[in-house]
Amino acid sequence: MAKYRVILPTNLKPSPARYELTAAQLLAEHFKTDVEFISRSNHKTPDFLIDGVKWELKSPTGTGKRNIERQLQTGIKQSKNIVFDARRSKIHIARIKNVLNYQFRLAKSIERIVLIDKSKNIIELTR
């Protein structure tokens, strides 16, 4: 099995959190390509570059009723491709899947959603 890399630019400040790094490793294995972190700037920028496509990572920790919707709304402002990491969320995975499916059908501006569930399985929604 080939080993894919997570590339961190030398000027990346602040350094990515542990959950961001593990999500990047899971995505590298899933997409079978290197994952590059994008340098942050003063304006909103996506987190990753995977095969030339920009992706935004959302990893909510709250339990609020509209938490998932809000995360997607802020994610869309940064990229049309969103990675939703549910490993830190306290919301039940079935609810997360239902809301993501519903919002994906509703929000036509989202091209792809990748869900990392609590067992590190990857589920992909594409148009």
N, C-alpha and C. Protein backbone atom coordinates (compact mmCIF):
# COMPACT_ATOMS: atom_id res chain seq x y z
N MET A 1 0.84 -1.19 0.00
CA MET A 1 0.00 0.00 0.00
C MET A 1 0.88 1.25 0.00
N ALA A 2 0.58 2.17 -0.88
CA ALA A 2 1.37 3.39 -1.01
C ALA A 2 1.13 4.30 0.19
N LYS A 3 2.16 5.04 0.53
CA LYS A 3 2.06 5.97 1.65
C LYS A 3 1.88 7.38 1.08
N TYR A 4 0.79 8.00 1.43
CA TYR A 4 0.50 9.35 0.96
C TYR A 4 0.87 10.34 2.04
N ARG A 5 1.28 11.53 1.63
CA ARG A 5 1.81 12.50 2.58
C ARG A 5 0.81 13.61 2.91
N VAL A 6 1.01 14.17 4.09
CA VAL A 6 0.32 15.40 4.49
C VAL A 6 1.40 16.48 4.45
N ILE A 7 1.21 17.46 3.58
CA ILE A 7 2.23 18.49 3.36
C ILE A 7 1.85 19.74 4.14
N LEU A 8 2.78 20.19 4.98
CA LEU A 8 2.60 21.41 5.78
C LEU A 8 3.54 22.48 5.26
N PRO A 9 3.04 23.61 4.76
CA PRO A 9 3.93 24.69 4.32
C PRO A 9 4.75 25.21 5.50
N THR A 10 5.96 25.67 5.22
CA THR A 10 6.83 26.15 6.31
C THR A 10 6.29 27.42 6.95
N ASN A 11 5.51 28.20 6.20
CA ASN A 11 4.97 29.46 6.74
C ASN A 11 3.57 29.29 7.33
N LEU A 12 3.16 28.06 7.62
CA LEU A 12 1.82 27.81 8.15
C LEU A 12 1.74 28.21 9.62
N LYS A 13 0.98 29.26 9.89
CA LYS A 13 0.77 29.74 11.26
C LYS A 13 -0.71 29.97 11.45
N PRO A 14 -1.33 29.58 12.52
CA PRO A 14 -0.79 28.68 13.54
C PRO A 14 -0.70 27.25 13.03
N SER A 15 0.05 26.44 13.74
CA SER A 15 0.18 25.03 13.35
C SER A 15 -1.17 24.34 13.46
N PRO A 16 -1.44 23.37 12.59
CA PRO A 16 -2.72 22.66 12.65
C PRO A 16 -2.88 21.88 13.95
N ALA A 17 -4.11 21.79 14.41
CA ALA A 17 -4.42 21.01 15.61
C ALA A 17 -4.31 19.52 15.29
N ARG A 18 -4.23 18.71 16.32
CA ARG A 18 -4.09 17.27 16.14
C ARG A 18 -5.23 16.69 15.29
N TYR A 19 -6.48 17.12 15.57
CA TYR A 19 -7.61 16.58 14.82
C TYR A 19 -7.52 16.95 13.34
N GLU A 20 -6.96 18.12 13.02
CA GLU A 20 -6.78 18.52 11.62
C GLU A 20 -5.76 17.62 10.93
N LEU A 21 -4.69 17.31 11.63
CA LEU A 21 -3.65 16.44 11.06
C LEU A 21 -4.17 15.02 10.84
N THR A 22 -4.90 14.48 11.81
CA THR A 22 -5.42 13.11 11.63
C THR A 22 -6.48 13.08 10.53
N ALA A 23 -7.28 14.13 10.43
CA ALA A 23 -8.27 14.20 9.34
C ALA A 23 -7.55 14.24 8.00
N ALA A 24 -6.46 15.00 7.91
CA ALA A 24 -5.69 15.09 6.66
C ALA A 24 -5.10 13.73 6.30
N GLN A 25 -4.62 12.98 7.29
CA GLN A 25 -4.08 11.64 7.02
C GLN A 25 -5.17 10.70 6.51
N LEU A 26 -6.34 10.74 7.14
CA LEU A 26 -7.46 9.91 6.68
C LEU A 26 -7.87 10.27 5.26
N LEU A 27 -7.89 11.56 4.94
CA LEU A 27 -8.26 12.00 3.59
C LEU A 27 -7.21 11.59 2.56
N ALA A 28 -5.94 11.65 2.94
CA ALA A 28 -4.87 11.23 2.02
C ALA A 28 -5.04 9.76 1.65
N GLU A 29 -5.35 8.93 2.63
CA GLU A 29 -5.56 7.50 2.35
C GLU A 29 -6.84 7.28 1.53
N HIS A 30 -7.88 8.03 1.84
CA HIS A 30 -9.15 7.87 1.12
C HIS A 30 -9.03 8.28 -0.35
N PHE A 31 -8.44 9.46 -0.59
CA PHE A 31 -8.33 9.97 -1.95
C PHE A 31 -7.11 9.42 -2.68
N LYS A 32 -6.24 8.71 -1.96
CA LYS A 32 -5.03 8.11 -2.52
C LYS A 32 -4.15 9.16 -3.21
N THR A 33 -3.94 10.25 -2.50
CA THR A 33 -3.10 11.34 -2.98
C THR A 33 -2.60 12.15 -1.79
N ASP A 34 -1.63 13.02 -2.03
CA ASP A 34 -1.12 13.87 -0.97
C ASP A 34 -2.15 14.95 -0.62
N VAL A 35 -2.14 15.36 0.64
CA VAL A 35 -3.02 16.43 1.12
C VAL A 35 -2.12 17.56 1.59
N GLU A 36 -2.37 18.76 1.06
CA GLU A 36 -1.55 19.91 1.41
C GLU A 36 -2.38 20.92 2.19
N PHE A 37 -1.85 21.36 3.33
CA PHE A 37 -2.51 22.43 4.07
C PHE A 37 -2.27 23.74 3.34
N ILE A 38 -3.28 24.60 3.30
CA ILE A 38 -3.17 25.91 2.66
C ILE A 38 -2.81 26.93 3.73
N SER A 39 -1.83 27.79 3.42
CA SER A 39 -1.42 28.83 4.36
C SER A 39 -2.59 29.74 4.67
N ARG A 40 -2.74 30.06 5.92
CA ARG A 40 -3.85 30.93 6.34
C ARG A 40 -3.48 32.38 6.10
N SER A 41 -4.49 33.17 5.81
CA SER A 41 -4.28 34.60 5.63
C SER A 41 -5.35 35.35 6.42
N ASN A 42 -5.41 36.66 6.24
CA ASN A 42 -6.37 37.46 7.00
C ASN A 42 -7.81 37.21 6.59
N HIS A 43 -8.03 36.77 5.36
CA HIS A 43 -9.40 36.48 4.93
C HIS A 43 -9.65 34.97 4.98
N LYS A 44 -10.89 34.59 4.85
CA LYS A 44 -11.27 33.18 4.97
C LYS A 44 -10.65 32.37 3.83
N THR A 45 -9.95 31.31 4.20
CA THR A 45 -9.35 30.42 3.20
C THR A 45 -9.69 28.98 3.56
N PRO A 46 -9.79 28.11 2.55
CA PRO A 46 -10.01 26.69 2.83
C PRO A 46 -8.80 26.10 3.57
N ASP A 47 -8.97 24.92 4.13
CA ASP A 47 -7.91 24.30 4.92
C ASP A 47 -6.96 23.44 4.10
N PHE A 48 -7.51 22.67 3.14
CA PHE A 48 -6.70 21.68 2.42
C PHE A 48 -6.74 21.91 0.92
N LEU A 49 -5.71 21.39 0.26
CA LEU A 49 -5.68 21.28 -1.19
C LEU A 49 -5.46 19.80 -1.49
N ILE A 50 -6.47 19.17 -2.10
CA ILE A 50 -6.40 17.74 -2.42
C ILE A 50 -6.58 17.59 -3.92
N ASP A 51 -5.54 17.17 -4.60
CA ASP A 51 -5.60 16.97 -6.05
C ASP A 51 -6.04 18.25 -6.78
N GLY A 52 -5.57 19.39 -6.31
CA GLY A 52 -5.90 20.66 -6.94
C GLY A 52 -7.25 21.24 -6.55
N VAL A 53 -7.99 20.55 -5.67
CA VAL A 53 -9.31 21.00 -5.24
C VAL A 53 -9.21 21.49 -3.79
N LYS A 54 -9.79 22.66 -3.53
CA LYS A 54 -9.76 23.23 -2.18
C LYS A 54 -10.89 22.66 -1.33
N TRP A 55 -10.56 22.29 -0.09
CA TRP A 55 -11.52 21.71 0.85
C TRP A 55 -11.48 22.45 2.16
N GLU A 56 -12.63 22.60 2.78
CA GLU A 56 -12.75 23.22 4.10
C GLU A 56 -13.09 22.13 5.11
N LEU A 57 -12.39 22.12 6.24
CA LEU A 57 -12.63 21.14 7.30
C LEU A 57 -13.50 21.78 8.38
N LYS A 58 -14.57 21.08 8.75
CA LYS A 58 -15.41 21.49 9.87
C LYS A 58 -15.45 20.34 10.86
N SER A 59 -15.16 20.65 12.12
CA SER A 59 -15.12 19.63 13.16
C SER A 59 -15.83 20.16 14.40
N PRO A 60 -17.16 20.13 14.40
CA PRO A 60 -17.92 20.73 15.50
C PRO A 60 -17.81 19.93 16.80
N THR A 61 -17.90 20.64 17.91
CA THR A 61 -17.88 19.99 19.21
C THR A 61 -19.18 20.22 19.98
N GLY A 62 -20.00 21.12 19.53
CA GLY A 62 -21.23 21.47 20.25
C GLY A 62 -22.34 20.46 20.06
N THR A 63 -23.40 20.65 20.81
CA THR A 63 -24.57 19.77 20.74
C THR A 63 -25.82 20.52 20.31
N GLY A 64 -25.64 21.76 19.90
CA GLY A 64 -26.78 22.61 19.55
C GLY A 64 -27.63 22.06 18.43
N LYS A 65 -28.88 22.47 18.44
CA LYS A 65 -29.87 21.98 17.48
C LYS A 65 -29.48 22.31 16.03
N ARG A 66 -28.91 23.50 15.82
CA ARG A 66 -28.56 23.92 14.45
C ARG A 66 -27.05 23.96 14.22
N ASN A 67 -26.31 23.26 15.04
CA ASN A 67 -24.85 23.25 14.96
C ASN A 67 -24.35 22.81 13.59
N ILE A 68 -24.87 21.73 13.06
CA ILE A 68 -24.42 21.18 11.79
C ILE A 68 -24.71 22.16 10.66
N GLU A 69 -25.92 22.72 10.66
CA GLU A 69 -26.30 23.69 9.62
C GLU A 69 -25.37 24.91 9.64
N ARG A 70 -25.10 25.43 10.84
CA ARG A 70 -24.22 26.60 10.97
C ARG A 70 -22.80 26.28 10.47
N GLN A 71 -22.31 25.10 10.81
CA GLN A 71 -20.98 24.71 10.35
C GLN A 71 -20.92 24.67 8.82
N LEU A 72 -21.96 24.11 8.20
CA LEU A 72 -22.00 24.05 6.74
C LEU A 72 -22.10 25.45 6.14
N GLN A 73 -22.91 26.33 6.75
CA GLN A 73 -23.06 27.69 6.23
C GLN A 73 -21.73 28.44 6.26
N THR A 74 -20.97 28.29 7.33
CA THR A 74 -19.66 28.97 7.38
C THR A 74 -18.66 28.28 6.46
N GLY A 75 -18.78 26.98 6.30
CA GLY A 75 -17.87 26.24 5.42
C GLY A 75 -18.05 26.60 3.96
N ILE A 76 -19.30 26.83 3.54
CA ILE A 76 -19.59 27.17 2.14
C ILE A 76 -18.90 28.48 1.76
N LYS A 77 -18.73 29.39 2.72
CA LYS A 77 -18.09 30.67 2.43
C LYS A 77 -16.61 30.49 2.10
N GLN A 78 -16.04 29.34 2.48
CA GLN A 78 -14.62 29.10 2.25
C GLN A 78 -14.36 28.14 1.09
N SER A 79 -15.25 27.19 0.87
CA SER A 79 -15.07 26.23 -0.22
C SER A 79 -16.39 25.54 -0.53
N LYS A 80 -16.53 25.07 -1.77
CA LYS A 80 -17.73 24.32 -2.17
C LYS A 80 -17.59 22.85 -1.81
N ASN A 81 -16.41 22.46 -1.33
CA ASN A 81 -16.14 21.09 -0.91
C ASN A 81 -15.85 21.11 0.58
N ILE A 82 -16.62 20.34 1.34
CA ILE A 82 -16.52 20.40 2.80
C ILE A 82 -16.24 19.02 3.37
N VAL A 83 -15.26 18.98 4.27
CA VAL A 83 -14.98 17.77 5.05
C VAL A 83 -15.62 18.00 6.41
N PHE A 84 -16.54 17.12 6.78
CA PHE A 84 -17.23 17.23 8.06
C PHE A 84 -16.69 16.12 8.96
N ASP A 85 -15.89 16.50 9.95
CA ASP A 85 -15.26 15.54 10.86
C ASP A 85 -16.13 15.41 12.11
N ALA A 86 -16.81 14.27 12.24
CA ALA A 86 -17.75 14.07 13.35
C ALA A 86 -17.11 13.40 14.56
N ARG A 87 -15.81 13.18 14.54
CA ARG A 87 -15.17 12.44 15.63
C ARG A 87 -15.24 13.17 16.96
N ARG A 88 -15.25 14.50 16.96
CA ARG A 88 -15.29 15.26 18.21
C ARG A 88 -16.71 15.66 18.61
N SER A 89 -17.67 15.41 17.75
CA SER A 89 -19.04 15.85 17.99
C SER A 89 -19.75 14.95 19.01
N LYS A 90 -20.61 15.57 19.80
CA LYS A 90 -21.40 14.82 20.77
C LYS A 90 -22.77 14.45 20.20
N ILE A 91 -23.05 14.90 18.98
CA ILE A 91 -24.32 14.59 18.32
C ILE A 91 -24.24 13.17 17.76
N HIS A 92 -25.33 12.42 17.85
CA HIS A 92 -25.35 11.04 17.36
C HIS A 92 -25.08 11.01 15.85
N ILE A 93 -24.31 10.03 15.41
CA ILE A 93 -23.87 9.96 14.02
C ILE A 93 -25.05 9.82 13.05
N ALA A 94 -26.11 9.14 13.45
CA ALA A 94 -27.28 9.01 12.57
C ALA A 94 -27.91 10.38 12.31
N ARG A 95 -27.98 11.22 13.34
CA ARG A 95 -28.53 12.57 13.17
C ARG A 95 -27.63 13.40 12.26
N ILE A 96 -26.32 13.27 12.45
CA ILE A 96 -25.38 14.01 11.61
C ILE A 96 -25.56 13.61 10.14
N LYS A 97 -25.65 12.32 9.88
CA LYS A 97 -25.83 11.83 8.50
C LYS A 97 -27.12 12.37 7.90
N ASN A 98 -28.21 12.32 8.67
CA ASN A 98 -29.50 12.81 8.18
C ASN A 98 -29.45 14.29 7.83
N VAL A 99 -28.88 15.09 8.73
CA VAL A 99 -28.81 16.54 8.50
C VAL A 99 -27.90 16.85 7.31
N LEU A 100 -26.77 16.16 7.21
CA LEU A 100 -25.86 16.40 6.08
C LEU A 100 -26.52 16.05 4.75
N ASN A 101 -27.22 14.92 4.70
CA ASN A 101 -27.93 14.53 3.47
C ASN A 101 -28.98 15.57 3.10
N TYR A 102 -29.75 16.02 4.09
CA TYR A 102 -30.79 17.02 3.85
C TYR A 102 -30.19 18.33 3.36
N GLN A 103 -29.16 18.82 4.05
CA GLN A 103 -28.54 20.08 3.68
C GLN A 103 -27.84 19.99 2.32
N PHE A 104 -27.29 18.82 2.00
CA PHE A 104 -26.64 18.62 0.70
C PHE A 104 -27.65 18.73 -0.44
N ARG A 105 -28.84 18.17 -0.23
CA ARG A 105 -29.89 18.28 -1.25
C ARG A 105 -30.40 19.72 -1.35
N LEU A 106 -30.44 20.42 -0.22
CA LEU A 106 -30.98 21.77 -0.16
C LEU A 106 -30.02 22.82 -0.73
N ALA A 107 -28.76 22.76 -0.32
CA ALA A 107 -27.77 23.77 -0.71
C ALA A 107 -27.07 23.35 -1.99
N LYS A 108 -27.51 23.90 -3.10
CA LYS A 108 -26.97 23.52 -4.41
C LYS A 108 -25.53 24.00 -4.61
N SER A 109 -25.08 24.95 -3.79
CA SER A 109 -23.72 25.46 -3.94
C SER A 109 -22.66 24.48 -3.42
N ILE A 110 -23.07 23.51 -2.63
CA ILE A 110 -22.12 22.51 -2.13
C ILE A 110 -21.92 21.46 -3.22
N GLU A 111 -20.66 21.26 -3.61
CA GLU A 111 -20.36 20.26 -4.63
C GLU A 111 -20.15 18.87 -4.02
N ARG A 112 -19.38 18.84 -2.92
CA ARG A 112 -19.10 17.56 -2.29
C ARG A 112 -19.00 17.73 -0.78
N ILE A 113 -19.47 16.70 -0.08
CA ILE A 113 -19.29 16.62 1.37
C ILE A 113 -18.64 15.27 1.67
N VAL A 114 -17.61 15.31 2.47
CA VAL A 114 -16.98 14.08 2.96
C VAL A 114 -17.19 14.05 4.46
N LEU A 115 -17.79 12.98 4.94
CA LEU A 115 -18.05 12.81 6.37
C LEU A 115 -17.06 11.81 6.94
N ILE A 116 -16.34 12.21 7.98
CA ILE A 116 -15.49 11.29 8.74
C ILE A 116 -16.28 10.97 9.99
N ASP A 117 -16.73 9.71 10.11
CA ASP A 117 -17.55 9.36 11.27
C ASP A 117 -16.68 9.02 12.47
N LYS A 118 -17.32 8.68 13.58
CA LYS A 118 -16.62 8.47 14.84
C LYS A 118 -15.70 7.25 14.81
N SER A 119 -15.93 6.34 13.85
CA SER A 119 -15.08 5.15 13.69
C SER A 119 -14.02 5.36 12.62
N LYS A 120 -13.83 6.59 12.18
CA LYS A 120 -12.87 6.97 11.15
C LYS A 120 -13.21 6.43 9.76
N ASN A 121 -14.48 6.06 9.55
CA ASN A 121 -14.94 5.67 8.22
C ASN A 121 -15.24 6.94 7.45
N ILE A 122 -15.06 6.88 6.13
CA ILE A 122 -15.30 8.06 5.30
C ILE A 122 -16.49 7.80 4.38
N ILE A 123 -17.46 8.71 4.42
CA ILE A 123 -18.66 8.64 3.59
C ILE A 123 -18.65 9.88 2.71
N GLU A 124 -18.86 9.69 1.42
CA GLU A 124 -18.76 10.81 0.48
C GLU A 124 -20.10 11.08 -0.19
N LEU A 125 -20.50 12.35 -0.22
CA LEU A 125 -21.70 12.79 -0.93
C LEU A 125 -21.24 13.67 -2.09
N THR A 126 -21.62 13.32 -3.32
CA THR A 126 -21.23 14.11 -4.48
C THR A 126 -22.43 14.37 -5.38
N ARG A 127 -22.34 15.41 -6.17
CA ARG A 127 -23.40 15.73 -7.14
C ARG A 127 -23.10 15.05 -8.45
